[in-house]
Amino acid sequence: MGYLFAAMAVAWGTLFLYLAYLGQRQAQLSRELTLLQQATRDSAKKEE
């Protein structure tokens, strides 16, 4: 039973780390998207 618990702990730990990574990546992409939207608005205003 000890091996099963250890395997499940590793699996859950790996899943948690992966979800944390995805959360960080999503936040980074969201910041980049906001910057791109601002840049396109700024360039559109300059062309007017």
N, C-alpha and C. Protein backbone atom coordinates (compact mmCIF):
# COMPACT_ATOMS: atom_id res chain seq x y z
N MET A 1 0.81 -1.20 0.00
CA MET A 1 0.00 0.00 0.00
C MET A 1 0.85 1.26 0.00
N GLY A 2 2.03 1.17 0.54
CA GLY A 2 2.91 2.33 0.63
C GLY A 2 3.31 2.85 -0.74
N TYR A 3 3.53 1.92 -1.67
CA TYR A 3 3.93 2.33 -3.02
C TYR A 3 2.78 3.03 -3.73
N LEU A 4 1.58 2.56 -3.51
CA LEU A 4 0.41 3.17 -4.13
C LEU A 4 0.24 4.61 -3.64
N PHE A 5 0.38 4.80 -2.33
CA PHE A 5 0.29 6.15 -1.77
C PHE A 5 1.38 7.05 -2.34
N ALA A 6 2.59 6.54 -2.42
CA ALA A 6 3.71 7.33 -2.96
C ALA A 6 3.46 7.69 -4.42
N ALA A 7 2.96 6.75 -5.20
CA ALA A 7 2.68 7.02 -6.61
C ALA A 7 1.58 8.07 -6.75
N MET A 8 0.55 7.97 -5.95
CA MET A 8 -0.54 8.94 -6.01
C MET A 8 -0.07 10.32 -5.55
N ALA A 9 0.79 10.38 -4.55
CA ALA A 9 1.32 11.66 -4.08
C ALA A 9 2.16 12.32 -5.17
N VAL A 10 2.96 11.54 -5.85
CA VAL A 10 3.77 12.08 -6.96
C VAL A 10 2.86 12.55 -8.08
N ALA A 11 1.84 11.78 -8.40
CA ALA A 11 0.92 12.16 -9.48
C ALA A 11 0.20 13.46 -9.14
N TRP A 12 -0.31 13.58 -7.93
CA TRP A 12 -1.02 14.80 -7.54
C TRP A 12 -0.06 15.99 -7.46
N GLY A 13 1.13 15.76 -6.98
CA GLY A 13 2.13 16.83 -6.93
C GLY A 13 2.49 17.33 -8.32
N THR A 14 2.67 16.39 -9.23
CA THR A 14 2.98 16.75 -10.61
C THR A 14 1.82 17.53 -11.24
N LEU A 15 0.61 17.07 -11.00
CA LEU A 15 -0.57 17.77 -11.52
C LEU A 15 -0.66 19.18 -10.96
N PHE A 16 -0.43 19.33 -9.67
CA PHE A 16 -0.48 20.65 -9.04
C PHE A 16 0.57 21.58 -9.65
N LEU A 17 1.79 21.09 -9.82
CA LEU A 17 2.84 21.92 -10.41
C LEU A 17 2.51 22.31 -11.85
N TYR A 18 1.95 21.39 -12.60
CA TYR A 18 1.57 21.68 -13.98
C TYR A 18 0.46 22.73 -14.04
N LEU A 19 -0.52 22.62 -13.16
CA LEU A 19 -1.59 23.61 -13.13
C LEU A 19 -1.07 24.98 -12.70
N ALA A 20 -0.11 25.02 -11.79
CA ALA A 20 0.49 26.28 -11.39
C ALA A 20 1.24 26.90 -12.56
N TYR A 21 1.95 26.08 -13.32
CA TYR A 21 2.66 26.55 -14.51
C TYR A 21 1.68 27.11 -15.53
N LEU A 22 0.58 26.40 -15.76
CA LEU A 22 -0.42 26.87 -16.72
C LEU A 22 -1.03 28.20 -16.26
N GLY A 23 -1.25 28.35 -14.98
CA GLY A 23 -1.79 29.60 -14.46
C GLY A 23 -0.84 30.76 -14.69
N GLN A 24 0.45 30.53 -14.46
CA GLN A 24 1.45 31.57 -14.71
C GLN A 24 1.52 31.92 -16.18
N ARG A 25 1.49 30.91 -17.03
CA ARG A 25 1.57 31.12 -18.48
C ARG A 25 0.34 31.89 -18.97
N GLN A 26 -0.83 31.56 -18.43
CA GLN A 26 -2.05 32.24 -18.84
C GLN A 26 -2.00 33.70 -18.41
N ALA A 27 -1.49 33.99 -17.23
CA ALA A 27 -1.37 35.36 -16.77
C ALA A 27 -0.39 36.14 -17.64
N GLN A 28 0.71 35.51 -18.02
CA GLN A 28 1.69 36.16 -18.89
C GLN A 28 1.08 36.46 -20.26
N LEU A 29 0.36 35.50 -20.82
CA LEU A 29 -0.27 35.71 -22.12
C LEU A 29 -1.34 36.80 -22.05
N SER A 30 -2.04 36.86 -20.95
CA SER A 30 -3.05 37.90 -20.77
C SER A 30 -2.40 39.28 -20.73
N ARG A 31 -1.27 39.41 -20.05
CA ARG A 31 -0.54 40.69 -20.01
C ARG A 31 -0.05 41.06 -21.41
N GLU A 32 0.48 40.09 -22.14
CA GLU A 32 0.96 40.37 -23.49
C GLU A 32 -0.18 40.79 -24.41
N LEU A 33 -1.33 40.15 -24.27
CA LEU A 33 -2.48 40.50 -25.08
C LEU A 33 -2.93 41.93 -24.79
N THR A 34 -2.94 42.30 -23.53
CA THR A 34 -3.32 43.66 -23.16
C THR A 34 -2.35 44.67 -23.77
N LEU A 35 -1.06 44.38 -23.72
CA LEU A 35 -0.07 45.28 -24.31
C LEU A 35 -0.25 45.39 -25.82
N LEU A 36 -0.54 44.27 -26.49
CA LEU A 36 -0.77 44.31 -27.93
C LEU A 36 -2.02 45.11 -28.27
N GLN A 37 -3.07 44.95 -27.48
CA GLN A 37 -4.29 45.71 -27.73
C GLN A 37 -4.02 47.21 -27.56
N GLN A 38 -3.28 47.58 -26.55
CA GLN A 38 -2.94 48.99 -26.35
C GLN A 38 -2.09 49.52 -27.49
N ALA A 39 -1.15 48.71 -27.95
CA ALA A 39 -0.27 49.13 -29.03
C ALA A 39 -1.05 49.33 -30.32
N THR A 40 -2.00 48.46 -30.60
CA THR A 40 -2.78 48.61 -31.83
C THR A 40 -3.71 49.82 -31.73
N ARG A 41 -4.25 50.08 -30.55
CA ARG A 41 -5.08 51.28 -30.36
C ARG A 41 -4.25 52.54 -30.55
N ASP A 42 -3.04 52.53 -30.00
CA ASP A 42 -2.16 53.70 -30.11
C ASP A 42 -1.77 53.95 -31.56
N SER A 43 -1.43 52.88 -32.28
CA SER A 43 -1.01 53.05 -33.67
C SER A 43 -2.20 53.49 -34.54
N ALA A 44 -3.41 53.02 -34.21
CA ALA A 44 -4.59 53.42 -34.95
C ALA A 44 -4.89 54.90 -34.73
N LYS A 45 -4.66 55.38 -33.52
CA LYS A 45 -4.89 56.80 -33.21
C LYS A 45 -3.88 57.68 -33.93
N LYS A 46 -2.65 57.20 -34.06
CA LYS A 46 -1.61 57.99 -34.74
C LYS A 46 -1.90 58.12 -36.23
N GLU A 47 -2.55 57.10 -36.81
CA GLU A 47 -2.83 57.12 -38.24
C GLU A 47 -3.99 58.05 -38.58
N GLU A 48 -4.82 58.38 -37.59
CA GLU A 48 -5.97 59.26 -37.86
C GLU A 48 -5.59 60.67 -38.06
